[in-house]
Amino acid sequence: MEPILVEVIAYAPTAFYHCMHCEVVWKEAGVGDRIHREQMGAALPDNLLHDYQTLSTWVQQLVERHHGRVVVKVVDAASLEGFAKSLRYRARHYPAVIVNGNDRYVTGDFAAAEAEIARRLEARPDSWQRAQR
């Protein structure tokens, strides 16, 4: 069976990198890591960074709990893809969780999204076979 796709549209920290050759030069000069740390530190305001950390913890727990039966894709809301997905799923508040392209949960309602994921997993024919093993 195909895994359930969970798409999350959220504001995500962003760091910009140069080409691989330039990155090697910057790293050898001793400034590359410092610049990237500064970028990541200033990428999001504190409230959005807290939201992203909460989201990150939830995603890690979700993936560990369902062992390959769930695939999570996090899309930065400020990216072109995030903008397009926001229009498609009518998401105006973030984080927005979309389960299998149908069900939408916004503003961090992770419990409701997780209940939907569990319901979909239970409805699968392979769930009964796994429970019997």
Protein backbone atom coordinates (compact mmCIF):
# COMPACT_ATOMS: atom_id res chain seq x y z
CA MET A 1 0.00 0.00 0.00
CA GLU A 2 1.10 3.53 -0.68
CA PRO A 3 1.91 5.62 2.38
CA ILE A 4 -0.41 8.42 3.40
CA LEU A 5 0.92 11.79 2.22
CA VAL A 6 0.82 14.52 4.83
CA GLU A 7 1.67 17.93 3.42
CA VAL A 8 2.42 20.73 5.85
CA ILE A 9 2.47 24.33 4.71
CA ALA A 10 4.32 26.44 7.27
CA TYR A 11 6.72 29.30 7.55
CA ALA A 12 10.11 27.60 7.61
CA PRO A 13 13.57 28.95 8.34
CA THR A 14 15.50 29.60 5.14
CA ALA A 15 19.23 29.78 4.49
CA PHE A 16 20.81 30.70 1.20
CA TYR A 17 23.86 28.89 -0.12
CA HIS A 18 26.30 29.62 -2.90
CA CYS A 19 27.41 27.11 -5.51
CA MET A 20 29.39 24.15 -4.18
CA HIS A 21 32.72 25.65 -5.22
CA CYS A 22 32.03 28.93 -3.44
CA GLU A 23 30.75 27.12 -0.36
CA VAL A 24 34.07 25.24 -0.11
CA VAL A 25 35.98 28.53 -0.35
CA TRP A 26 33.79 30.21 2.30
CA LYS A 27 34.13 27.20 4.60
CA GLU A 28 37.91 27.07 4.22
CA ALA A 29 38.06 30.80 4.91
CA GLY A 30 36.26 30.10 8.17
CA VAL A 31 33.22 32.29 7.52
CA GLY A 32 30.74 29.94 5.83
CA ASP A 33 29.39 28.27 8.97
CA ARG A 34 29.12 31.57 10.83
CA ILE A 35 27.18 33.19 8.00
CA HIS A 36 24.76 30.25 7.75
CA ARG A 37 24.21 30.25 11.55
CA GLU A 38 23.42 33.97 11.42
CA GLN A 39 20.98 33.42 8.54
CA MET A 40 19.17 30.62 10.37
CA GLY A 41 19.05 32.68 13.56
CA ALA A 42 17.47 35.61 11.77
CA ALA A 43 15.29 33.62 9.35
CA LEU A 44 12.11 33.76 11.44
CA PRO A 45 10.77 35.92 14.27
CA ASP A 46 10.62 34.21 17.67
CA ASN A 47 6.90 33.37 17.52
CA LEU A 48 7.18 31.71 14.10
CA LEU A 49 10.35 29.90 15.14
CA HIS A 50 8.49 28.51 18.17
CA ASP A 51 5.64 27.36 15.90
CA TYR A 52 8.16 25.70 13.57
CA GLN A 53 9.85 23.89 16.46
CA THR A 54 6.47 22.60 17.68
CA LEU A 55 5.67 21.45 14.14
CA SER A 56 9.06 19.77 13.82
CA THR A 57 8.53 17.81 17.04
CA TRP A 58 5.06 16.70 15.88
CA VAL A 59 6.39 15.59 12.48
CA GLN A 60 9.21 13.58 14.07
CA GLN A 61 6.79 11.83 16.42
CA LEU A 62 4.35 11.16 13.57
CA VAL A 63 7.03 9.56 11.39
CA GLU A 64 8.39 7.46 14.27
CA ARG A 65 4.91 6.31 15.30
CA HIS A 66 3.79 5.16 11.85
CA HIS A 67 7.05 3.63 10.54
CA GLY A 68 6.89 4.33 6.82
CA ARG A 69 3.11 4.27 6.47
CA VAL A 70 3.09 8.09 6.50
CA VAL A 71 5.23 10.41 4.38
CA VAL A 72 5.48 14.04 5.45
CA LYS A 73 6.37 16.88 3.13
CA VAL A 74 6.96 20.30 4.68
CA VAL A 75 6.56 23.24 2.29
CA ASP A 76 7.65 26.77 3.16
CA ALA A 77 4.59 29.02 2.98
CA ALA A 78 6.77 31.85 1.65
CA SER A 79 7.98 29.80 -1.33
CA LEU A 80 6.36 29.64 -4.76
CA GLU A 81 5.23 26.08 -4.06
CA GLY A 82 3.84 27.16 -0.69
CA PHE A 83 1.91 29.98 -2.30
CA ALA A 84 0.45 27.63 -4.94
CA LYS A 85 -0.50 25.01 -2.34
CA SER A 86 -2.03 27.69 -0.12
CA LEU A 87 -4.27 28.71 -3.01
CA ARG A 88 -5.10 25.13 -3.92
CA TYR A 89 -6.02 24.09 -0.37
CA ARG A 90 -7.40 27.50 0.62
CA ALA A 91 -5.00 27.78 3.51
CA ARG A 92 -4.75 31.28 4.92
CA HIS A 93 -3.27 30.43 8.32
CA TYR A 94 -0.20 28.36 9.07
CA PRO A 95 0.78 25.73 9.79
CA ALA A 96 -1.74 24.00 7.54
CA VAL A 97 -1.77 20.20 7.48
CA ILE A 98 -3.24 18.48 4.43
CA VAL A 99 -3.86 14.72 4.64
CA ASN A 100 -3.78 12.88 1.29
CA GLY A 101 -4.72 16.03 -0.59
CA ASN A 102 -8.23 16.11 0.89
CA ASP A 103 -8.53 17.01 4.54
CA ARG A 104 -7.15 20.32 5.77
CA TYR A 105 -6.28 21.28 9.34
CA VAL A 106 -4.98 24.76 10.06
CA THR A 107 -3.30 26.69 12.84
CA GLY A 108 -1.62 23.72 14.41
CA ASP A 109 -4.61 21.46 15.04
CA PHE A 110 -2.26 18.49 15.10
CA ALA A 111 -4.59 16.33 17.22
CA ALA A 112 -7.37 16.48 14.62
CA ALA A 113 -4.92 15.84 11.77
CA GLU A 114 -3.45 12.89 13.63
CA ALA A 115 -6.91 11.47 14.31
CA GLU A 116 -7.64 11.61 10.57
CA ILE A 117 -4.33 9.92 9.77
CA ALA A 118 -5.09 7.16 12.29
CA ARG A 119 -8.59 6.73 10.84
CA ARG A 120 -7.19 6.38 7.32
CA LEU A 121 -4.57 3.88 8.47
CA GLU A 122 -7.18 1.78 10.27
CA ALA A 123 -9.39 1.74 7.16
CA ARG A 124 -6.65 0.17 5.07
CA PRO A 125 -6.85 -3.53 4.37
CA ASP A 126 -3.24 -4.12 5.44
CA SER A 127 -3.95 -2.70 8.95
CA TRP A 128 -5.90 -5.79 9.95
CA GLN A 129 -3.14 -8.09 8.70
CA ARG A 130 -0.48 -6.18 10.64
CA ALA A 131 -2.55 -6.30 13.82
CA GLN A 132 -2.81 -10.10 13.51
CA ARG A 133 0.98 -10.57 13.38
